[in-house]
Amino acid sequence: MAGRRETPRQKMIGMMYLVLTALLALNVSVTVLDKFAFINESLERANAETSERNSRTIDGMKSAAKDKGNRKDDLAVVADAEVLRTKTIEVVGRLEEFKREFVEITGGYIEGYEGDKRFISGKTDYDKVGNYMMPIEEGGDGKGEEMKSLLNGYADELKELLKKNGAPEEQLASLHKLALDADEDEYYKTDPNQEGKKWSQLAFEQSPTHAALATVSEFQARVLSFETTGLDFLVKRVGLKDITFETIRPVIMPESKYVAAGTSYKADMFIAASPPKQLMNQTVMKYNGEVAPVVDGVGKVEFRATAGSYDENGNARKQIRAEITLPQGGGNDTTFVDTIEYFVVKPILQFQSASVQALYYNCGNTMIVECQALGNQYSPSFSVNGGDAIKGSQRGEVTVVPKQRKVTLAVSNAGTLIGNKEFGVRSIPAPDIKVYTSNGKEVNLKDGIDSNTPSLVLKAIPDESFAQFLPNDARFRVAECEVTLVSGGIGRGSARFGEQINLRNMSGRKGSQIVIEIRKVQRQNFRKQVEDFKKHIRYINISLK
């Protein structure tokens, strides 16, 4: 959110919403629709944790005010924090009601799964939620205006509350409206395709039900994020930072518990109660045995996440062992240890090619391999079992050259295998050998040619589909043929040619035949290498008239 530093939790929520937005741009399958349910579930878990943390913050503020003697000014700030908490619960609760309404209007829950948003009847419905939220003048039910008013009203009330408590203008400016029409949104107002659209159209038009649920969960996350911003400011008003904690333990605060294989796991590691500054300089922090650099009392954790045993949801459970060694009085050091759990999310690879299900043998089959989950960290490398892999000029581009009847393409990112795909391999279809006269007219083999025809030209015409998919591999030519003049059932003479046949020295008469034996056909591949192609027509008979 512009104008302030986001917490790791808020960054995680933003990342998941970006994934949601990317998936909405696709022509999604039912399997991908199920991923929306997973994203919504993750957002709801994160929102519950944020809500609980904000409640604990207010409890801490009350304790801080009590420790300071319940001064009038401190109690007034605590009262404002409780007002903010009440309003947040009200808004988040109404948004939750919207989600229940979405489920209800799209058919409710599948029998036996009541209350479980993963199992709803309308998960493939793209219309009902959009119509429910669309403006009345656009033919919808107009419910989007209620949600828009709810969200923007919350932002306005929060700004007024913080302004009353002396918040600076730059902080108030960061608490902008949560629901913007296209002409108010910096991103959409210059997009001609979105011109004049209401916020409800931008957020819900043509959204499958699970995507709409996740969209509302993301707005709940924004509301909770605004509340966190407000509480962070109010906390300082009662000196919560001065509270002395009784328990000291190591803490890793990750940007996300879910991280795609091949991307960096990033987190801050620190002790919950900081020691005196002179001791902090001697504190040693480690994760999985590796020493973490300490900046301003916070250990910085970063390592490359690796794949693991994925469950049915595509998540691999992992752990970090955190150790913080703190110097104690009398020369004794104390090491605090904790184990932190995180999850590696299996990346979903997308293969885009004109012929991606089966490739052609010894041809340059070019495809694009995308992985939305890795974002800007996606910089793949490729290897092929049963063939060659040639990396292309753009990110994710690879040319696969099969050498066996089945090949497997392995995709790695920063040295970590993130997935593979097996392909069947097709044989190159044989070209059609056609005969033309010297003036470019195709010879009708049923009718034959005039006996005084001076020359012929042989052309190897590639299969139409093959030429369309791989034009740089569909270049054939007749390299050698043997032409025999047959009269009265007896061969009267023969000669060898390439694709150009000279008939001047063959004195054929009406009723004779020209027999062309195709001895060698060659193909030039995408590398401009020439190879013999054995699969072709062997004989062509032409009558003289």
Protein backbone atom coordinates (compact mmCIF):
# COMPACT_ATOMS: atom_id res chain seq x y z
CA MET A 1 0.00 0.00 0.00
CA ALA A 2 1.52 3.28 -1.12
CA GLY A 3 2.93 5.60 1.50
CA ARG A 4 3.71 3.09 4.21
CA ARG A 5 5.70 -0.04 4.88
CA GLU A 6 3.63 -3.22 4.55
CA THR A 7 3.97 -6.06 7.01
CA PRO A 8 5.13 -9.47 5.76
CA ARG A 9 1.58 -10.76 6.28
CA GLN A 10 0.16 -8.00 4.10
CA LYS A 11 2.75 -8.70 1.42
CA MET A 12 1.71 -12.37 1.47
CA ILE A 13 -1.95 -11.40 0.97
CA GLY A 14 -1.00 -9.08 -1.88
CA MET A 15 1.01 -11.83 -3.54
CA MET A 16 -1.90 -14.28 -3.39
CA TYR A 17 -4.25 -11.67 -4.83
CA LEU A 18 -1.87 -11.11 -7.73
CA VAL A 19 -1.99 -14.86 -8.41
CA LEU A 20 -5.80 -14.64 -8.28
CA THR A 21 -5.81 -11.76 -10.78
CA ALA A 22 -3.49 -13.67 -13.15
CA LEU A 23 -5.69 -16.77 -13.03
CA LEU A 24 -8.79 -14.68 -13.82
CA ALA A 25 -7.12 -13.69 -17.12
CA LEU A 26 -6.99 -17.34 -18.21
CA ASN A 27 -9.63 -19.55 -19.76
CA VAL A 28 -9.58 -21.63 -16.59
CA SER A 29 -10.40 -25.33 -16.21
CA VAL A 30 -12.32 -26.82 -13.29
CA THR A 31 -8.95 -27.84 -11.77
CA VAL A 32 -7.78 -24.23 -11.80
CA LEU A 33 -11.13 -23.08 -10.39
CA ASP A 34 -10.38 -25.32 -7.42
CA LYS A 35 -7.21 -23.27 -6.91
CA PHE A 36 -9.38 -20.20 -6.34
CA ALA A 37 -10.94 -22.08 -3.43
CA PHE A 38 -7.44 -22.73 -2.08
CA ILE A 39 -6.50 -19.05 -2.45
CA ASN A 40 -9.71 -17.99 -0.69
CA GLU A 41 -9.00 -20.48 2.11
CA SER A 42 -5.47 -19.12 2.51
CA LEU A 43 -6.73 -15.53 2.59
CA GLU A 44 -9.34 -16.39 5.22
CA ARG A 45 -6.70 -18.08 7.43
CA ALA A 46 -4.41 -15.04 7.08
CA ASN A 47 -7.31 -12.68 7.85
CA ALA A 48 -8.20 -14.64 10.99
CA GLU A 49 -4.59 -14.43 12.17
CA THR A 50 -4.45 -10.68 11.45
CA SER A 51 -7.73 -10.11 13.30
CA GLU A 52 -6.47 -12.07 16.31
CA ARG A 53 -3.19 -10.16 16.29
CA ASN A 54 -5.03 -6.83 16.21
CA SER A 55 -7.14 -7.92 19.21
CA ARG A 56 -3.96 -8.80 21.09
CA THR A 57 -2.56 -5.37 20.22
CA ILE A 58 -5.50 -3.70 21.97
CA ASP A 59 -5.03 -6.00 24.98
CA GLY A 60 -1.40 -4.89 25.06
CA MET A 61 -2.44 -1.25 24.87
CA LYS A 62 -4.75 -1.74 27.86
CA SER A 63 -1.90 -3.35 29.82
CA ALA A 64 0.47 -0.54 28.86
CA ALA A 65 -2.06 2.09 29.94
CA LYS A 66 -2.58 0.28 33.25
CA ASP A 67 1.18 0.07 33.88
CA LYS A 68 1.37 3.82 33.33
CA GLY A 69 -1.39 4.47 35.87
CA ASN A 70 -4.43 4.58 33.57
CA ARG A 71 -3.79 8.16 32.60
CA LYS A 72 -6.75 9.95 31.02
CA ASP A 73 -5.05 10.60 27.69
CA ASP A 74 -3.91 6.97 27.40
CA LEU A 75 -7.40 5.66 28.19
CA ALA A 76 -8.86 7.92 25.50
CA VAL A 77 -6.49 6.42 22.93
CA VAL A 78 -7.39 2.89 24.07
CA ALA A 79 -11.09 3.77 23.73
CA ASP A 80 -10.49 4.94 20.15
CA ALA A 81 -8.65 1.69 19.41
CA GLU A 82 -11.66 -0.28 20.69
CA VAL A 83 -13.98 1.80 18.51
CA LEU A 84 -11.76 0.96 15.55
CA ARG A 85 -11.82 -2.75 16.46
CA THR A 86 -15.62 -2.74 16.73
CA LYS A 87 -16.02 -1.01 13.36
CA THR A 88 -13.56 -3.40 11.72
CA ILE A 89 -15.42 -6.45 13.05
CA GLU A 90 -18.68 -4.95 11.75
CA VAL A 91 -17.31 -4.33 8.24
CA VAL A 92 -15.48 -7.68 8.00
CA GLY A 93 -18.63 -9.41 9.23
CA ARG A 94 -20.81 -7.75 6.57
CA LEU A 95 -18.31 -8.76 3.89
CA GLU A 96 -18.56 -12.33 5.22
CA GLU A 97 -22.33 -12.08 4.77
CA PHE A 98 -21.75 -11.11 1.14
CA LYS A 99 -19.77 -14.32 0.67
CA ARG A 100 -22.60 -16.37 2.15
CA GLU A 101 -24.98 -14.61 -0.25
CA PHE A 102 -22.70 -15.46 -3.20
CA VAL A 103 -22.82 -19.15 -2.25
CA GLU A 104 -26.58 -19.05 -1.81
CA ILE A 105 -27.43 -17.39 -5.15
CA THR A 106 -25.17 -19.82 -7.06
CA GLY A 107 -26.81 -22.97 -5.68
CA GLY A 108 -25.52 -23.32 -2.13
CA TYR A 109 -23.22 -26.08 -0.86
CA ILE A 110 -22.91 -29.57 -2.25
CA GLU A 111 -24.90 -31.95 -0.08
CA GLY A 112 -22.83 -33.21 2.83
CA TYR A 113 -20.36 -30.28 2.68
CA GLU A 114 -22.44 -27.47 4.16
CA GLY A 115 -20.26 -24.59 5.35
CA ASP A 116 -17.16 -25.73 3.40
CA LYS A 117 -16.52 -23.15 0.67
CA ARG A 118 -14.38 -25.60 -1.25
CA PHE A 119 -17.52 -27.59 -2.13
CA ILE A 120 -20.10 -25.23 -3.62
CA SER A 121 -22.54 -26.02 -6.41
CA GLY A 122 -21.83 -22.88 -8.42
CA LYS A 123 -18.06 -22.97 -8.71
CA THR A 124 -18.26 -22.90 -12.53
CA ASP A 125 -20.88 -20.15 -12.58
CA TYR A 126 -19.49 -16.98 -14.17
CA ASP A 127 -22.68 -14.88 -14.24
CA LYS A 128 -24.78 -14.87 -11.07
CA VAL A 129 -22.33 -13.10 -8.73
CA GLY A 130 -21.46 -10.53 -11.40
CA ASN A 131 -25.14 -9.81 -12.02
CA TYR A 132 -25.79 -9.63 -8.26
CA MET A 133 -23.10 -6.97 -7.85
CA MET A 134 -23.54 -5.06 -11.13
CA PRO A 135 -25.14 -1.56 -11.12
CA ILE A 136 -28.90 -1.54 -11.63
CA GLU A 137 -28.49 0.65 -14.73
CA GLU A 138 -26.33 -2.13 -16.21
CA GLY A 139 -29.07 -4.68 -15.57
CA GLY A 140 -27.68 -6.02 -12.27
CA ASP A 141 -29.03 -6.12 -8.73
CA GLY A 142 -26.88 -3.21 -7.58
CA LYS A 143 -25.38 -4.88 -4.49
CA GLY A 144 -21.92 -3.62 -5.46
CA GLU A 145 -22.88 -0.09 -4.43
CA GLU A 146 -23.60 -1.30 -0.89
CA MET A 147 -20.20 -3.01 -0.65
CA LYS A 148 -18.46 0.03 -2.17
CA SER A 149 -20.13 2.34 0.36
CA LEU A 150 -19.19 -0.03 3.19
CA LEU A 151 -15.50 -0.15 2.20
CA ASN A 152 -15.03 3.54 1.43
CA GLY A 153 -17.00 4.55 4.52
CA TYR A 154 -14.64 2.48 6.65
CA ALA A 155 -11.60 4.23 5.16
CA ASP A 156 -13.14 7.65 5.78
CA GLU A 157 -14.02 6.84 9.43
CA LEU A 158 -10.51 5.52 10.07
CA LYS A 159 -8.97 8.72 8.66
CA GLU A 160 -11.16 10.86 10.92
CA LEU A 161 -10.24 8.78 13.98
CA LEU A 162 -6.50 9.01 13.29
CA LYS A 163 -6.75 12.70 12.42
CA LYS A 164 -8.34 13.30 15.84
CA ASN A 165 -5.31 11.59 17.41
CA GLY A 166 -2.79 13.75 15.53
CA ALA A 167 -1.80 11.48 12.62
CA PRO A 168 0.38 13.26 10.01
CA GLU A 169 -1.09 14.12 6.61
CA GLU A 170 1.17 11.69 4.71
CA GLN A 171 -0.20 8.80 6.79
CA LEU A 172 -3.78 9.94 6.31
CA ALA A 173 -3.19 10.20 2.56
CA SER A 174 -2.18 6.53 2.45
CA LEU A 175 -5.64 5.54 3.72
CA HIS A 176 -7.32 6.06 0.37
CA LYS A 177 -10.65 4.70 -0.79
CA LEU A 178 -10.76 0.91 -0.96
CA ALA A 179 -13.25 0.66 -3.85
CA LEU A 180 -12.48 2.82 -6.88
CA ASP A 181 -14.34 3.21 -10.17
CA ALA A 182 -12.24 2.98 -13.33
CA ASP A 183 -11.99 6.77 -13.75
CA GLU A 184 -10.68 7.10 -10.15
CA ASP A 185 -8.13 4.30 -10.38
CA GLU A 186 -4.63 5.27 -11.57
CA TYR A 187 -4.20 1.85 -13.21
CA TYR A 188 -7.53 1.64 -15.06
CA LYS A 189 -8.35 5.24 -15.97
CA THR A 190 -5.97 5.21 -18.95
CA ASP A 191 -7.21 1.81 -20.19
CA PRO A 192 -9.76 2.34 -23.00
CA ASN A 193 -11.18 -1.15 -22.39
CA GLN A 194 -12.20 -0.17 -18.84
CA GLU A 195 -13.47 3.33 -19.56
CA GLY A 196 -16.60 4.23 -17.62
CA LYS A 197 -16.73 1.00 -15.62
CA LYS A 198 -17.96 0.97 -12.06
CA TRP A 199 -15.92 -0.59 -9.26
CA SER A 200 -18.32 -3.53 -9.04
CA GLN A 201 -17.72 -4.31 -12.72
CA LEU A 202 -13.95 -4.21 -12.32
CA ALA A 203 -14.07 -6.47 -9.28
CA PHE A 204 -16.82 -8.97 -10.09
CA GLU A 205 -17.85 -8.93 -13.75
CA GLN A 206 -17.66 -12.46 -15.25
CA SER A 207 -16.02 -13.83 -12.10
CA PRO A 208 -16.50 -17.52 -11.19
CA THR A 209 -17.97 -17.92 -7.72
CA HIS A 210 -14.73 -19.03 -6.03
CA ALA A 211 -12.89 -16.06 -7.58
CA ALA A 212 -15.58 -13.71 -6.24
CA LEU A 213 -15.22 -15.24 -2.76
CA ALA A 214 -11.45 -14.74 -2.89
CA THR A 215 -11.96 -11.15 -4.10
CA VAL A 216 -14.12 -10.36 -1.07
CA SER A 217 -11.58 -12.08 1.21
CA GLU A 218 -8.91 -9.82 -0.25
CA PHE A 219 -11.01 -6.75 0.56
CA GLN A 220 -11.41 -8.10 4.10
CA ALA A 221 -7.61 -8.30 4.18
CA ARG A 222 -7.36 -4.65 3.09
CA VAL A 223 -9.77 -3.60 5.83
CA LEU A 224 -7.71 -5.50 8.41
CA SER A 225 -4.53 -3.98 6.96
CA PHE A 226 -6.01 -0.49 7.42
CA GLU A 227 -6.93 -1.42 10.99
CA THR A 228 -3.36 -2.61 11.60
CA THR A 229 -2.08 0.74 10.30
CA GLY A 230 -4.39 2.60 12.65
CA LEU A 231 -3.47 0.46 15.66
CA ASP A 232 0.24 0.78 14.90
CA PHE A 233 -0.17 4.55 15.17
CA LEU A 234 -2.34 4.42 18.31
CA VAL A 235 0.03 1.96 20.01
CA LYS A 236 2.74 4.58 20.08
CA ARG A 237 0.38 6.97 21.81
CA VAL A 238 0.33 4.84 24.97
CA GLY A 239 3.93 3.66 24.88
CA LEU A 240 3.22 0.02 24.06
CA LYS A 241 6.76 -0.31 22.77
CA ASP A 242 7.98 0.02 26.35
CA ILE A 243 6.17 -3.12 27.59
CA THR A 244 8.59 -5.66 29.13
CA PHE A 245 7.89 -9.21 28.02
CA GLU A 246 8.41 -12.08 30.44
CA THR A 247 9.01 -14.75 27.75
CA ILE A 248 11.98 -14.65 25.41
CA ARG A 249 11.95 -16.92 22.37
CA PRO A 250 13.23 -16.77 18.78
CA VAL A 251 10.75 -15.64 16.16
CA ILE A 252 10.87 -15.94 12.36
CA MET A 253 8.44 -13.64 10.60
CA PRO A 254 8.17 -14.88 7.00
CA GLU A 255 6.80 -12.91 4.12
CA SER A 256 4.67 -16.00 3.48
CA LYS A 257 4.37 -19.52 4.85
CA TYR A 258 3.74 -20.56 1.24
CA VAL A 259 6.57 -20.28 -1.25
CA ALA A 260 6.91 -21.75 -4.75
CA ALA A 261 9.80 -24.14 -5.43
CA GLY A 262 12.60 -22.21 -7.07
CA THR A 263 11.82 -18.88 -5.39
CA SER A 264 13.47 -17.32 -2.36
CA TYR A 265 12.13 -17.87 1.15
CA LYS A 266 12.45 -14.49 2.89
CA ALA A 267 11.83 -13.76 6.56
CA ASP A 268 12.97 -11.66 9.50
CA MET A 269 14.36 -13.57 12.50
CA PHE A 270 14.59 -11.84 15.88
CA ILE A 271 14.17 -12.36 19.61
CA ALA A 272 10.84 -11.27 21.04
CA ALA A 273 12.41 -9.14 23.85
CA SER A 274 15.51 -7.27 22.91
CA PRO A 275 18.44 -7.27 25.37
CA PRO A 276 20.56 -4.17 26.14
CA LYS A 277 22.35 -2.77 23.12
CA GLN A 278 25.79 -3.84 24.33
CA LEU A 279 24.61 -7.44 24.47
CA MET A 280 22.80 -7.31 21.12
CA ASN A 281 26.13 -6.68 19.38
CA GLN A 282 27.27 -10.08 20.67
CA THR A 283 24.09 -12.00 19.77
CA VAL A 284 24.46 -14.81 17.20
CA MET A 285 21.47 -15.90 15.11
CA LYS A 286 21.30 -19.05 12.95
CA TYR A 287 18.77 -20.84 10.75
CA ASN A 288 19.32 -24.49 9.86
CA GLY A 289 22.89 -24.11 11.07
CA GLU A 290 23.62 -21.11 8.81
CA VAL A 291 24.61 -17.81 10.44
CA ALA A 292 22.08 -15.05 9.68
CA PRO A 293 23.33 -11.47 9.22
CA VAL A 294 21.93 -9.24 11.98
CA VAL A 295 20.77 -5.72 11.06
CA ASP A 296 19.42 -3.46 13.83
CA GLY A 297 18.80 -6.44 16.04
CA VAL A 298 16.92 -8.42 13.36
CA GLY A 299 18.33 -11.54 11.72
CA LYS A 300 17.83 -11.67 7.95
CA VAL A 301 16.80 -15.09 6.61
CA GLU A 302 16.95 -15.88 2.89
CA PHE A 303 17.45 -19.19 1.10
CA ARG A 304 16.31 -20.95 -2.04
CA ALA A 305 13.19 -23.06 -1.42
CA THR A 306 13.42 -26.63 -2.72
CA ALA A 307 10.72 -29.06 -3.77
CA GLY A 308 9.46 -31.75 -1.40
CA SER A 309 6.73 -34.36 -1.04
CA TYR A 310 3.67 -32.46 -2.21
CA ASP A 311 0.24 -33.28 -0.77
CA GLU A 312 -3.01 -33.38 -2.76
CA ASN A 313 -3.19 -29.57 -2.60
CA GLY A 314 0.32 -29.16 -4.04
CA ASN A 315 1.95 -28.12 -0.74
CA ALA A 316 5.14 -29.57 0.78
CA ARG A 317 5.56 -29.11 4.54
CA LYS A 318 9.00 -27.81 5.60
CA GLN A 319 10.68 -26.61 8.80
CA ILE A 320 13.40 -24.16 9.83
CA ARG A 321 15.42 -24.61 13.00
CA ALA A 322 16.02 -21.17 14.51
CA GLU A 323 18.76 -20.56 17.10
CA ILE A 324 19.57 -17.31 18.89
CA THR A 325 22.56 -17.29 21.23
CA LEU A 326 22.34 -14.43 23.72
CA PRO A 327 25.23 -13.43 26.00
CA GLN A 328 24.19 -13.53 29.67
CA GLY A 329 25.73 -12.10 32.82
CA GLY A 330 28.71 -13.92 34.33
CA GLY A 331 30.09 -14.93 30.94
CA ASN A 332 27.38 -17.57 30.32
CA ASP A 333 25.63 -17.72 26.93
CA THR A 334 22.03 -18.87 26.53
CA THR A 335 20.74 -20.35 23.27
CA PHE A 336 17.04 -20.14 22.50
CA VAL A 337 15.76 -22.64 19.93
CA ASP A 338 12.48 -22.90 18.04
CA THR A 339 11.20 -24.76 14.96
CA ILE A 340 9.22 -22.77 12.42
CA GLU A 341 6.97 -24.42 9.86
CA TYR A 342 6.46 -23.23 6.29
CA PHE A 343 5.07 -24.69 3.09
CA VAL A 344 6.56 -24.98 -0.39
CA VAL A 345 3.87 -24.60 -3.05
CA LYS A 346 4.25 -26.70 -6.18
CA PRO A 347 4.57 -24.40 -9.20
CA ILE A 348 2.04 -24.92 -12.00
CA LEU A 349 3.79 -25.08 -15.36
CA GLN A 350 1.93 -24.03 -18.50
CA PHE A 351 3.14 -25.31 -21.87
CA GLN A 352 2.17 -23.25 -24.91
CA SER A 353 2.90 -24.68 -28.36
CA ALA A 354 1.20 -25.23 -31.69
CA SER A 355 1.61 -28.98 -31.12
CA VAL A 356 2.24 -29.46 -27.42
CA GLN A 357 0.70 -32.93 -26.81
CA ALA A 358 2.99 -34.75 -29.23
CA LEU A 359 6.22 -33.54 -30.83
CA TYR A 360 7.84 -34.41 -34.16
CA TYR A 361 10.96 -36.59 -34.30
CA ASN A 362 14.27 -34.76 -34.92
CA CYS A 363 12.49 -31.44 -35.45
CA GLY A 364 12.69 -28.09 -33.70
CA ASN A 365 9.50 -28.15 -31.62
CA THR A 366 9.40 -24.69 -30.03
CA MET A 367 7.21 -23.96 -27.00
CA ILE A 368 6.80 -21.42 -24.21
CA VAL A 369 6.86 -22.73 -20.63
CA GLU A 370 5.33 -20.29 -18.14
CA CYS A 371 5.08 -20.41 -14.35
CA GLN A 372 2.88 -17.64 -12.94
CA ALA A 373 3.69 -18.55 -9.32
CA LEU A 374 7.38 -17.58 -9.67
CA GLY A 375 6.69 -14.10 -11.05
CA ASN A 376 9.84 -12.07 -11.75
CA GLN A 377 12.03 -14.74 -10.14
CA TYR A 378 11.21 -17.13 -12.99
CA SER A 379 14.37 -17.69 -15.02
CA PRO A 380 14.13 -21.30 -16.23
CA SER A 381 16.66 -23.72 -17.63
CA PHE A 382 15.73 -26.88 -19.53
CA SER A 383 16.98 -30.39 -20.15
CA VAL A 384 15.48 -33.22 -22.19
CA ASN A 385 15.69 -36.94 -21.55
CA GLY A 386 15.60 -38.56 -24.99
CA GLY A 387 16.53 -35.49 -27.00
CA ASP A 388 18.04 -32.02 -27.00
CA ALA A 389 16.85 -28.75 -25.47
CA ILE A 390 17.74 -25.38 -27.01
CA LYS A 391 16.95 -22.32 -24.86
CA GLY A 392 15.22 -19.54 -26.75
CA SER A 393 15.78 -15.80 -26.75
CA GLN A 394 12.77 -14.94 -24.55
CA ARG A 395 12.06 -16.08 -21.02
CA GLY A 396 10.51 -19.55 -20.93
CA GLU A 397 11.12 -20.31 -24.62
CA VAL A 398 12.67 -23.69 -25.43
CA THR A 399 13.07 -25.78 -28.58
CA VAL A 400 12.82 -29.53 -27.98
CA VAL A 401 14.48 -31.85 -30.53
CA PRO A 402 13.27 -35.44 -29.87
CA LYS A 403 15.64 -38.34 -30.59
CA GLN A 404 13.42 -41.10 -29.16
CA ARG A 405 9.74 -42.07 -29.31
CA LYS A 406 9.10 -40.48 -25.93
CA VAL A 407 10.90 -37.54 -24.36
CA THR A 408 10.68 -35.81 -20.97
CA LEU A 409 11.27 -32.06 -20.63
CA ALA A 410 12.63 -31.08 -17.19
CA VAL A 411 12.21 -27.45 -16.07
CA SER A 412 14.49 -25.97 -13.38
CA ASN A 413 14.68 -22.53 -11.83
CA ALA A 414 17.94 -21.28 -10.30
CA GLY A 415 19.21 -24.88 -10.25
CA THR A 416 16.08 -26.30 -8.57
CA LEU A 417 13.87 -28.75 -10.46
CA ILE A 418 10.32 -27.38 -10.46
CA GLY A 419 8.57 -29.83 -12.78
CA ASN A 420 8.68 -31.98 -15.90
CA LYS A 421 6.39 -33.11 -18.69
CA GLU A 422 6.47 -36.20 -20.88
CA PHE A 423 5.66 -35.91 -24.59
CA GLY A 424 4.88 -38.51 -27.20
CA VAL A 425 6.86 -38.19 -30.42
CA ARG A 426 5.35 -38.44 -33.91
CA SER A 427 7.10 -39.54 -37.07
CA ILE A 428 7.48 -36.91 -39.75
CA PRO A 429 4.74 -37.50 -42.34
CA ALA A 430 5.96 -38.39 -45.82
CA PRO A 431 5.89 -35.68 -48.46
CA ASP A 432 3.77 -36.05 -51.56
CA ILE A 433 5.92 -36.32 -54.73
CA LYS A 434 4.31 -34.40 -57.58
CA VAL A 435 5.42 -34.03 -61.21
CA TYR A 436 5.33 -30.74 -63.11
CA THR A 437 6.13 -29.73 -66.69
CA SER A 438 8.79 -27.12 -67.31
CA ASN A 439 6.14 -24.40 -67.52
CA GLY A 440 4.99 -25.17 -63.96
CA LYS A 441 1.81 -27.15 -64.78
CA GLU A 442 1.17 -30.21 -62.63
CA VAL A 443 1.10 -33.47 -64.62
CA ASN A 444 -2.16 -35.43 -64.52
CA LEU A 445 -0.88 -38.98 -64.13
CA LYS A 446 -4.11 -40.43 -65.53
CA ASP A 447 -3.88 -38.45 -68.76
CA GLY A 448 -0.12 -38.73 -69.23
CA ILE A 449 2.12 -36.30 -71.19
CA ASP A 450 2.88 -35.54 -74.80
CA SER A 451 5.62 -37.71 -76.25
CA ASN A 452 7.61 -34.62 -77.18
CA THR A 453 7.66 -33.18 -73.65
CA PRO A 454 11.27 -31.94 -73.16
CA SER A 455 11.57 -32.01 -69.38
CA LEU A 456 9.85 -32.60 -66.04
CA VAL A 457 10.32 -31.27 -62.53
CA LEU A 458 9.81 -33.31 -59.33
CA LYS A 459 8.65 -31.53 -56.19
CA ALA A 460 8.37 -32.98 -52.67
CA ILE A 461 5.29 -31.33 -51.10
CA PRO A 462 5.18 -31.57 -47.27
CA ASP A 463 2.11 -32.64 -45.31
CA GLU A 464 -0.08 -29.56 -44.83
CA SER A 465 -0.48 -29.85 -41.03
CA PHE A 466 3.20 -30.60 -40.51
CA ALA A 467 4.20 -27.60 -42.63
CA GLN A 468 1.83 -25.38 -40.68
CA PHE A 469 3.22 -26.44 -37.27
CA LEU A 470 6.92 -26.58 -38.21
CA PRO A 471 7.58 -24.70 -41.45
CA ASN A 472 11.36 -24.63 -40.86
CA ASP A 473 11.42 -28.44 -40.70
CA ALA A 474 9.12 -29.05 -43.66
CA ARG A 475 11.56 -28.44 -46.51
CA PHE A 476 11.93 -31.51 -48.77
CA ARG A 477 13.47 -32.14 -52.16
CA VAL A 478 14.02 -35.07 -54.51
CA ALA A 479 17.77 -35.55 -54.48
CA GLU A 480 18.02 -38.51 -56.87
CA CYS A 481 15.74 -40.41 -59.22
CA GLU A 482 16.16 -42.95 -62.05
CA VAL A 483 14.03 -42.51 -65.16
CA THR A 484 13.39 -45.47 -67.50
CA LEU A 485 11.67 -45.45 -70.91
CA VAL A 486 9.48 -48.54 -71.24
CA SER A 487 8.10 -49.57 -74.65
CA GLY A 488 6.39 -52.85 -75.37
CA GLY A 489 7.04 -53.96 -71.84
CA ILE A 490 10.81 -53.64 -72.30
CA GLY A 491 13.07 -50.99 -70.83
CA ARG A 492 14.61 -49.00 -73.68
CA GLY A 493 17.05 -46.93 -71.69
CA SER A 494 17.42 -45.16 -68.34
CA ALA A 495 19.20 -42.21 -66.78
CA ARG A 496 19.63 -40.68 -63.32
CA PHE A 497 18.63 -37.13 -62.38
CA GLY A 498 17.91 -34.92 -59.39
CA GLU A 499 14.61 -33.08 -59.25
CA GLN A 500 15.08 -31.82 -62.86
CA ILE A 501 14.45 -34.56 -65.48
CA ASN A 502 15.68 -34.11 -69.09
CA LEU A 503 13.61 -36.21 -71.56
CA ARG A 504 15.27 -34.99 -74.78
CA ASN A 505 17.50 -38.08 -75.10
CA MET A 506 14.60 -40.48 -74.53
CA SER A 507 12.84 -40.95 -77.85
CA GLY A 508 9.54 -42.16 -76.54
CA ARG A 509 6.56 -42.82 -78.80
CA LYS A 510 2.85 -42.77 -78.12
CA GLY A 511 1.89 -45.71 -75.92
CA SER A 512 5.29 -45.82 -74.21
CA GLN A 513 5.73 -45.10 -70.53
CA ILE A 514 8.13 -43.09 -68.42
CA VAL A 515 8.85 -44.89 -65.11
CA ILE A 516 10.36 -42.66 -62.43
CA GLU A 517 12.00 -44.42 -59.47
CA ILE A 518 12.46 -42.03 -56.54
CA ARG A 519 15.79 -43.16 -55.12
CA LYS A 520 16.55 -40.42 -52.58
CA VAL A 521 14.52 -37.69 -50.86
CA GLN A 522 16.21 -35.23 -48.52
CA ARG A 523 14.91 -32.93 -45.77
CA GLN A 524 16.49 -29.71 -44.51
CA ASN A 525 15.73 -29.23 -40.78
CA PHE A 526 15.41 -26.05 -38.72
CA ARG A 527 19.20 -26.04 -38.20
CA LYS A 528 19.62 -26.04 -42.02
CA GLN A 529 21.14 -29.51 -41.80
CA VAL A 530 20.28 -31.88 -44.67
CA GLU A 531 19.32 -35.50 -43.95
CA ASP A 532 18.07 -38.39 -46.08
CA PHE A 533 14.34 -39.04 -45.70
CA LYS A 534 13.51 -42.69 -46.42
CA LYS A 535 9.74 -42.53 -46.04
CA HIS A 536 8.45 -41.57 -49.49
CA ILE A 537 6.79 -42.81 -52.70
CA ARG A 538 9.10 -45.13 -54.68
CA TYR A 539 7.67 -45.25 -58.25
CA ILE A 540 5.72 -42.94 -60.55
CA ASN A 541 4.44 -44.12 -63.99
CA ILE A 542 3.58 -41.63 -66.75
CA SER A 543 2.10 -42.60 -70.12
CA LEU A 544 3.17 -40.90 -73.37
CA LYS A 545 0.47 -39.78 -75.76
